[in-house]
Amino acid sequence: MLLLVSLVFACKKEKQELNTQNELQRLKLEESKKILTERKSLNYSLQGYSSVEEAVKNFLIEVRKTNQIESAQLKSLVDQTEKEFILYPNILGYGTSLDVTPLDDYNKMIRSFEILALGKLKEKSYTESDLKSIKIMVRSVKDYGKTKFHKIGLVIIGTPKGKIEIGEIRSVIQLGNRYKVAILAP
């Protein structure tokens, strides 16, 4: 009998802790949505390139030239300020995982995707001169708020040794007439 009472008490305590954690997550999500909704009305400009092809080429050149796999060092990839004031506010409410993920957690997820994708890109053997023979397959172009997303299916680079396929570049963001690599994934 004492064992049964102890078990019931332990289960109730675990349920209360779970409810508290769920409530904290819900509050964090609400706060994130409030922040991003406020930022959506701000007019930030994107420091980017004049086309999807130019944005992708410059990104691949920068990846090849740097020894870093830290995305914060790449000028051709949306930086943290651009993510928080352009990218995230414009994709909120369009059925992305940002709709159900607090901002801090979303940033961690995006950062980990970028690190994994950059690691895979560093393994690809192409040179800057190989990028003269590049084919970018854009799957679709979708409006998200003030921005457009050019969803990349595949990037193919012709090298003397054959073709290299790159699938780690998932999308290029467009704001006005400026373009920049936005989303990476392994």
Protein backbone atom coordinates (compact mmCIF):
# COMPACT_ATOMS: atom_id res chain seq x y z
CA MET A 1 0.00 0.00 0.00
CA LEU A 2 2.81 2.38 0.91
CA LEU A 3 4.51 1.56 -2.39
CA LEU A 4 1.32 2.35 -4.32
CA VAL A 5 0.93 5.75 -2.59
CA SER A 6 4.59 6.56 -3.30
CA LEU A 7 4.16 5.67 -6.96
CA VAL A 8 1.03 7.82 -7.35
CA PHE A 9 2.76 10.77 -5.64
CA ALA A 10 5.84 10.41 -7.90
CA CYS A 11 3.66 10.29 -11.04
CA LYS A 12 1.75 13.43 -9.99
CA LYS A 13 5.03 15.24 -9.32
CA GLU A 14 6.41 14.25 -12.76
CA LYS A 15 3.18 15.42 -14.43
CA GLN A 16 3.39 18.79 -12.65
CA GLU A 17 7.02 19.21 -13.77
CA LEU A 18 6.04 18.33 -17.33
CA ASN A 19 3.18 20.85 -17.26
CA THR A 20 5.57 23.52 -15.94
CA GLN A 21 8.08 22.78 -18.72
CA ASN A 22 5.33 22.88 -21.36
CA GLU A 23 4.08 26.20 -20.00
CA LEU A 24 7.61 27.67 -20.08
CA GLN A 25 8.02 26.52 -23.70
CA ARG A 26 4.65 28.05 -24.59
CA LEU A 27 5.62 31.36 -22.97
CA LYS A 28 8.98 31.39 -24.77
CA LEU A 29 7.20 30.71 -28.07
CA GLU A 30 4.68 33.51 -27.48
CA GLU A 31 7.50 35.94 -26.63
CA SER A 32 9.43 34.91 -29.75
CA LYS A 33 6.37 35.47 -31.95
CA LYS A 34 5.77 38.88 -30.37
CA ILE A 35 9.39 39.95 -30.98
CA LEU A 36 9.39 38.75 -34.59
CA THR A 37 6.02 40.35 -35.33
CA GLU A 38 7.36 43.69 -34.09
CA ARG A 39 10.51 43.29 -36.18
CA LYS A 40 8.49 42.54 -39.31
CA SER A 41 7.39 46.16 -39.54
CA LEU A 42 10.99 47.45 -39.49
CA ASN A 43 12.69 48.21 -42.80
CA TYR A 44 16.03 46.43 -42.84
CA SER A 45 17.97 46.07 -46.06
CA LEU A 46 19.77 42.95 -47.18
CA GLN A 47 23.48 43.29 -47.96
CA GLY A 48 23.64 40.85 -50.82
CA TYR A 49 24.24 40.24 -54.49
CA SER A 50 22.43 41.09 -57.73
CA SER A 51 21.21 37.55 -58.60
CA VAL A 52 20.72 34.03 -57.27
CA GLU A 53 23.69 32.82 -59.34
CA GLU A 54 25.99 35.57 -58.03
CA ALA A 55 24.94 34.87 -54.43
CA VAL A 56 25.57 31.12 -54.77
CA LYS A 57 28.90 31.57 -56.60
CA ASN A 58 30.20 34.05 -54.02
CA PHE A 59 29.11 31.75 -51.21
CA LEU A 60 30.92 28.76 -52.74
CA ILE A 61 34.05 30.86 -53.37
CA GLU A 62 34.03 32.05 -49.77
CA VAL A 63 33.53 28.51 -48.43
CA ARG A 64 36.46 27.32 -50.56
CA LYS A 65 38.77 30.17 -49.47
CA THR A 66 38.13 30.05 -45.73
CA ASN A 67 39.29 27.50 -43.21
CA GLN A 68 36.35 28.31 -40.98
CA ILE A 69 33.24 26.18 -40.76
CA GLU A 70 31.61 28.78 -38.53
CA SER A 71 28.81 30.39 -40.51
CA ALA A 72 29.14 33.72 -38.66
CA GLN A 73 32.39 34.37 -40.54
CA LEU A 74 30.81 34.14 -44.01
CA LYS A 75 29.71 37.44 -45.55
CA SER A 76 27.83 35.65 -48.35
CA LEU A 77 25.46 33.88 -45.90
CA VAL A 78 22.74 35.76 -44.02
CA ASP A 79 24.25 36.96 -40.76
CA GLN A 80 22.58 36.81 -37.36
CA THR A 81 21.13 40.33 -37.61
CA GLU A 82 19.70 39.59 -41.06
CA LYS A 83 18.22 36.36 -39.72
CA GLU A 84 16.57 38.04 -36.77
CA PHE A 85 15.34 41.17 -38.57
CA ILE A 86 14.66 39.96 -42.14
CA LEU A 87 14.59 36.17 -42.46
CA TYR A 88 12.75 35.06 -39.33
CA PRO A 89 10.08 37.80 -39.22
CA ASN A 90 9.18 37.10 -42.85
CA ILE A 91 8.88 33.29 -42.55
CA LEU A 92 6.88 33.37 -39.31
CA GLY A 93 3.34 32.19 -39.91
CA TYR A 94 4.06 30.34 -43.16
CA GLY A 95 4.09 26.82 -41.75
CA THR A 96 7.82 26.62 -41.01
CA SER A 97 9.23 25.07 -37.85
CA LEU A 98 9.74 28.62 -36.54
CA ASP A 99 5.97 28.71 -35.98
CA VAL A 100 6.29 26.09 -33.24
CA THR A 101 9.84 26.67 -31.99
CA PRO A 102 11.03 29.42 -29.64
CA LEU A 103 13.59 31.77 -31.21
CA ASP A 104 16.56 30.62 -29.10
CA ASP A 105 15.92 26.97 -29.93
CA TYR A 106 15.39 27.80 -33.62
CA ASN A 107 18.71 29.68 -33.74
CA LYS A 108 20.50 26.67 -32.23
CA MET A 109 18.91 24.35 -34.79
CA ILE A 110 19.81 26.61 -37.73
CA ARG A 111 23.39 27.00 -36.45
CA SER A 112 23.83 23.25 -36.15
CA PHE A 113 22.46 22.74 -39.70
CA GLU A 114 24.89 25.37 -40.99
CA ILE A 115 27.90 23.80 -39.28
CA LEU A 116 27.03 20.34 -40.63
CA ALA A 117 26.37 21.65 -44.15
CA LEU A 118 29.58 23.72 -44.19
CA GLY A 119 31.54 20.67 -43.07
CA LYS A 120 30.14 18.68 -45.99
CA LEU A 121 30.81 21.54 -48.42
CA LYS A 122 34.45 21.72 -47.30
CA GLU A 123 34.82 18.07 -48.37
CA LYS A 124 33.79 18.88 -51.97
CA SER A 125 36.73 19.30 -54.33
CA TYR A 126 36.16 22.22 -56.66
CA THR A 127 38.17 25.32 -57.45
CA GLU A 128 37.09 28.89 -58.00
CA SER A 129 37.68 28.51 -61.74
CA ASP A 130 35.31 25.48 -61.77
CA LEU A 131 32.49 27.85 -60.80
CA LYS A 132 32.47 29.21 -64.36
CA SER A 133 30.60 26.03 -65.21
CA ILE A 134 27.83 26.08 -62.61
CA LYS A 135 24.19 25.13 -62.96
CA ILE A 136 21.72 26.12 -60.25
CA MET A 137 18.41 24.27 -60.24
CA VAL A 138 15.80 26.45 -58.57
CA ARG A 139 12.83 24.28 -57.56
CA SER A 140 10.50 27.14 -56.74
CA VAL A 141 10.24 30.79 -55.84
CA LYS A 142 7.84 31.63 -53.00
CA ASP A 143 6.81 34.87 -51.38
CA TYR A 144 7.28 35.04 -47.62
CA GLY A 145 6.19 38.43 -46.32
CA LYS A 146 8.40 41.11 -47.90
CA THR A 147 10.89 38.50 -49.14
CA LYS A 148 11.07 35.83 -51.81
CA PHE A 149 12.74 32.50 -51.27
CA HIS A 150 14.42 30.79 -54.18
CA LYS A 151 14.36 27.14 -53.11
CA ILE A 152 17.44 25.43 -54.50
CA GLY A 153 17.11 21.83 -55.60
CA LEU A 154 20.69 21.23 -56.62
CA VAL A 155 23.84 23.06 -57.63
CA ILE A 156 26.00 21.28 -60.19
CA ILE A 157 29.62 22.30 -60.76
CA GLY A 158 31.50 21.01 -63.79
CA THR A 159 35.13 20.17 -62.99
CA PRO A 160 37.85 18.52 -65.11
CA LYS A 161 37.28 15.38 -63.02
CA GLY A 162 33.51 15.37 -63.53
CA LYS A 163 30.41 16.88 -62.00
CA ILE A 164 30.05 17.81 -58.35
CA GLU A 165 26.54 17.96 -56.95
CA ILE A 166 25.83 20.28 -54.05
CA GLY A 167 22.57 19.87 -52.16
CA GLU A 168 23.51 21.71 -48.96
CA ILE A 169 22.33 25.13 -50.21
CA ARG A 170 18.60 24.98 -49.59
CA SER A 171 17.49 28.52 -50.35
CA VAL A 172 18.50 32.01 -51.37
CA ILE A 173 16.58 34.94 -49.92
CA GLN A 174 15.62 37.94 -52.04
CA LEU A 175 14.70 41.32 -50.57
CA GLY A 176 14.12 43.94 -53.23
CA ASN A 177 16.84 43.37 -55.80
CA ARG A 178 19.40 41.84 -53.39
CA TYR A 179 20.06 38.11 -52.94
CA LYS A 180 21.93 36.11 -50.33
CA VAL A 181 22.29 32.44 -49.37
CA ALA A 182 19.83 31.94 -46.52
CA ILE A 183 19.34 28.32 -45.52
CA LEU A 184 21.88 25.49 -45.42
CA ALA A 185 21.27 21.91 -44.40
CA PRO A 186 23.34 18.72 -44.54
